[in-house]
Amino acid sequence: MTIGALIAIEGYRAYLRETNARMLFVAVGFLLLSVGSVLEGIFYDVLHFAVFLAGMIQTLFVALGIALILYSLYVTTDTTETATQKPDTSHELS
């Protein structure tokens, strides 16, 4: 959990430095992975949840973390610039 939390902190710091949305998704993804890795034990041993429910909650956190990391690979960094940019029509014939 410690290594995942350190990666999340560094990803967040990179997001603040670069204002790159990809780094924010990576940071939150690793945070969810790190927290999810210990949630099952906490819910089962401390809060006395059923083992199935505790496992389902842990799996949900891990799945969301992996999904965010995967999404960070596909998200574009300059969404505002590409949305307002006019298409290049210089190659079209009149």
C-alpha atoms as a PDB file:
ATOM      1  CA  MET A   1       0.000   0.000   0.000  1.00  0.00           C
ATOM      2  CA  THR A   2       2.857   2.375   0.754  1.00  0.00           C
ATOM      3  CA  ILE A   3       4.398   2.139  -2.700  1.00  0.00           C
ATOM      4  CA  GLY A   4       1.023   2.675  -4.371  1.00  0.00           C
ATOM      5  CA  ALA A   5       0.369   5.708  -2.179  1.00  0.00           C
ATOM      6  CA  LEU A   6       3.788   7.149  -3.053  1.00  0.00           C
ATOM      7  CA  ILE A   7       3.069   6.672  -6.763  1.00  0.00           C
ATOM      8  CA  ALA A   8      -0.295   8.398  -6.284  1.00  0.00           C
ATOM      9  CA  ILE A   9       1.351  11.341  -4.508  1.00  0.00           C
ATOM     10  CA  GLU A  10       3.999  11.714  -7.203  1.00  0.00           C
ATOM     11  CA  GLY A  11       1.333  11.476  -9.908  1.00  0.00           C
ATOM     12  CA  TYR A  12      -0.672  14.214  -8.220  1.00  0.00           C
ATOM     13  CA  ARG A  13       2.413  16.395  -7.890  1.00  0.00           C
ATOM     14  CA  ALA A  14       3.108  15.878 -11.597  1.00  0.00           C
ATOM     15  CA  TYR A  15      -0.488  16.843 -12.352  1.00  0.00           C
ATOM     16  CA  LEU A  16      -0.092  20.093 -10.407  1.00  0.00           C
ATOM     17  CA  ARG A  17       3.228  20.833 -12.094  1.00  0.00           C
ATOM     18  CA  GLU A  18       2.239  19.975 -15.667  1.00  0.00           C
ATOM     19  CA  THR A  19      -1.581  20.431 -15.471  1.00  0.00           C
ATOM     20  CA  ASN A  20      -1.882  17.193 -17.419  1.00  0.00           C
ATOM     21  CA  ALA A  21      -5.161  15.342 -16.894  1.00  0.00           C
ATOM     22  CA  ARG A  22      -3.459  12.015 -17.599  1.00  0.00           C
ATOM     23  CA  MET A  23      -1.371  12.321 -14.456  1.00  0.00           C
ATOM     24  CA  LEU A  24      -4.450  13.010 -12.361  1.00  0.00           C
ATOM     25  CA  PHE A  25      -6.133   9.843 -13.644  1.00  0.00           C
ATOM     26  CA  VAL A  26      -2.978   7.838 -12.919  1.00  0.00           C
ATOM     27  CA  ALA A  27      -2.739   9.298  -9.406  1.00  0.00           C
ATOM     28  CA  VAL A  28      -6.370   8.530  -8.536  1.00  0.00           C
ATOM     29  CA  GLY A  29      -6.086   5.094 -10.144  1.00  0.00           C
ATOM     30  CA  PHE A  30      -3.081   4.120  -8.044  1.00  0.00           C
ATOM     31  CA  LEU A  31      -4.734   5.538  -4.939  1.00  0.00           C
ATOM     32  CA  LEU A  32      -7.798   3.345  -5.525  1.00  0.00           C
ATOM     33  CA  LEU A  33      -5.560   0.333  -6.153  1.00  0.00           C
ATOM     34  CA  SER A  34      -3.638   0.973  -2.943  1.00  0.00           C
ATOM     35  CA  VAL A  35      -6.701   1.519  -0.786  1.00  0.00           C
ATOM     36  CA  GLY A  36      -8.535  -1.374  -2.399  1.00  0.00           C
ATOM     37  CA  SER A  37      -5.729  -3.755  -1.568  1.00  0.00           C
ATOM     38  CA  VAL A  38      -6.359  -3.453   2.176  1.00  0.00           C
ATOM     39  CA  LEU A  39     -10.100  -2.794   2.223  1.00  0.00           C
ATOM     40  CA  GLU A  40     -11.132  -6.438   2.256  1.00  0.00           C
ATOM     41  CA  GLY A  41      -9.255  -7.089   5.490  1.00  0.00           C
ATOM     42  CA  ILE A  42     -10.622  -3.978   7.143  1.00  0.00           C
ATOM     43  CA  PHE A  43     -14.217  -4.683   6.146  1.00  0.00           C
ATOM     44  CA  TYR A  44     -14.011  -8.366   7.079  1.00  0.00           C
ATOM     45  CA  ASP A  45     -11.929  -8.293  10.275  1.00  0.00           C
ATOM     46  CA  VAL A  46     -12.724  -4.892  11.754  1.00  0.00           C
ATOM     47  CA  LEU A  47     -16.230  -4.101  10.544  1.00  0.00           C
ATOM     48  CA  HIS A  48     -17.391  -7.766  10.404  1.00  0.00           C
ATOM     49  CA  PHE A  49     -18.806  -7.659   6.893  1.00  0.00           C
ATOM     50  CA  ALA A  50     -19.512 -10.940   5.143  1.00  0.00           C
ATOM     51  CA  VAL A  51     -16.451 -12.176   3.261  1.00  0.00           C
ATOM     52  CA  PHE A  52     -18.332 -11.989  -0.056  1.00  0.00           C
ATOM     53  CA  LEU A  53     -19.338  -8.352   0.492  1.00  0.00           C
ATOM     54  CA  ALA A  54     -15.860  -7.377   1.677  1.00  0.00           C
ATOM     55  CA  GLY A  55     -14.345  -9.021  -1.385  1.00  0.00           C
ATOM     56  CA  MET A  56     -16.812  -7.322  -3.684  1.00  0.00           C
ATOM     57  CA  ILE A  57     -15.989  -3.886  -2.272  1.00  0.00           C
ATOM     58  CA  GLN A  58     -12.264  -4.563  -2.612  1.00  0.00           C
ATOM     59  CA  THR A  59     -12.707  -5.785  -6.181  1.00  0.00           C
ATOM     60  CA  LEU A  60     -14.731  -2.689  -7.065  1.00  0.00           C
ATOM     61  CA  PHE A  61     -11.970  -0.362  -5.818  1.00  0.00           C
ATOM     62  CA  VAL A  62      -9.277  -2.283  -7.672  1.00  0.00           C
ATOM     63  CA  ALA A  63     -11.343  -2.422 -10.875  1.00  0.00           C
ATOM     64  CA  LEU A  64     -12.008   1.329 -10.751  1.00  0.00           C
ATOM     65  CA  GLY A  65      -8.313   1.999 -10.177  1.00  0.00           C
ATOM     66  CA  ILE A  66      -7.279  -0.136 -13.126  1.00  0.00           C
ATOM     67  CA  ALA A  67      -9.971   1.471 -15.287  1.00  0.00           C
ATOM     68  CA  LEU A  68      -8.674   4.960 -14.463  1.00  0.00           C
ATOM     69  CA  ILE A  69      -5.100   3.976 -15.246  1.00  0.00           C
ATOM     70  CA  LEU A  70      -6.244   2.448 -18.529  1.00  0.00           C
ATOM     71  CA  TYR A  71      -8.300   5.554 -19.319  1.00  0.00           C
ATOM     72  CA  SER A  72      -5.236   7.731 -18.724  1.00  0.00           C
ATOM     73  CA  LEU A  73      -3.562   5.966 -21.642  1.00  0.00           C
ATOM     74  CA  TYR A  74      -6.308   7.065 -24.024  1.00  0.00           C
ATOM     75  CA  VAL A  75      -7.355  10.518 -22.806  1.00  0.00           C
ATOM     76  CA  THR A  76      -6.066  13.455 -24.832  1.00  0.00           C
ATOM     77  CA  THR A  77      -4.122  16.122 -23.013  1.00  0.00           C
ATOM     78  CA  ASP A  78      -5.411  19.201 -24.865  1.00  0.00           C
ATOM     79  CA  THR A  79      -9.162  18.660 -25.005  1.00  0.00           C
ATOM     80  CA  THR A  80     -10.015  22.374 -25.058  1.00  0.00           C
ATOM     81  CA  GLU A  81      -7.614  23.176 -27.895  1.00  0.00           C
ATOM     82  CA  THR A  82      -8.807  20.386 -30.164  1.00  0.00           C
ATOM     83  CA  ALA A  83     -12.462  21.207 -29.550  1.00  0.00           C
ATOM     84  CA  THR A  84     -12.079  24.845 -30.625  1.00  0.00           C
ATOM     85  CA  GLN A  85      -9.584  24.250 -33.418  1.00  0.00           C
ATOM     86  CA  LYS A  86     -10.954  24.684 -36.939  1.00  0.00           C
ATOM     87  CA  PRO A  87     -10.402  21.817 -39.356  1.00  0.00           C
ATOM     88  CA  ASP A  88      -7.819  22.282 -42.101  1.00  0.00           C
ATOM     89  CA  THR A  89      -9.733  22.691 -45.371  1.00  0.00           C
ATOM     90  CA  SER A  90      -6.837  23.920 -47.525  1.00  0.00           C
ATOM     91  CA  HIS A  91      -6.575  20.568 -49.304  1.00  0.00           C
ATOM     92  CA  GLU A  92     -10.210  20.526 -50.449  1.00  0.00           C
ATOM     93  CA  LEU A  93     -11.038  21.297 -54.053  1.00  0.00           C
ATOM     94  CA  SER A  94     -13.467  24.092 -54.851  1.00  0.00           C
END
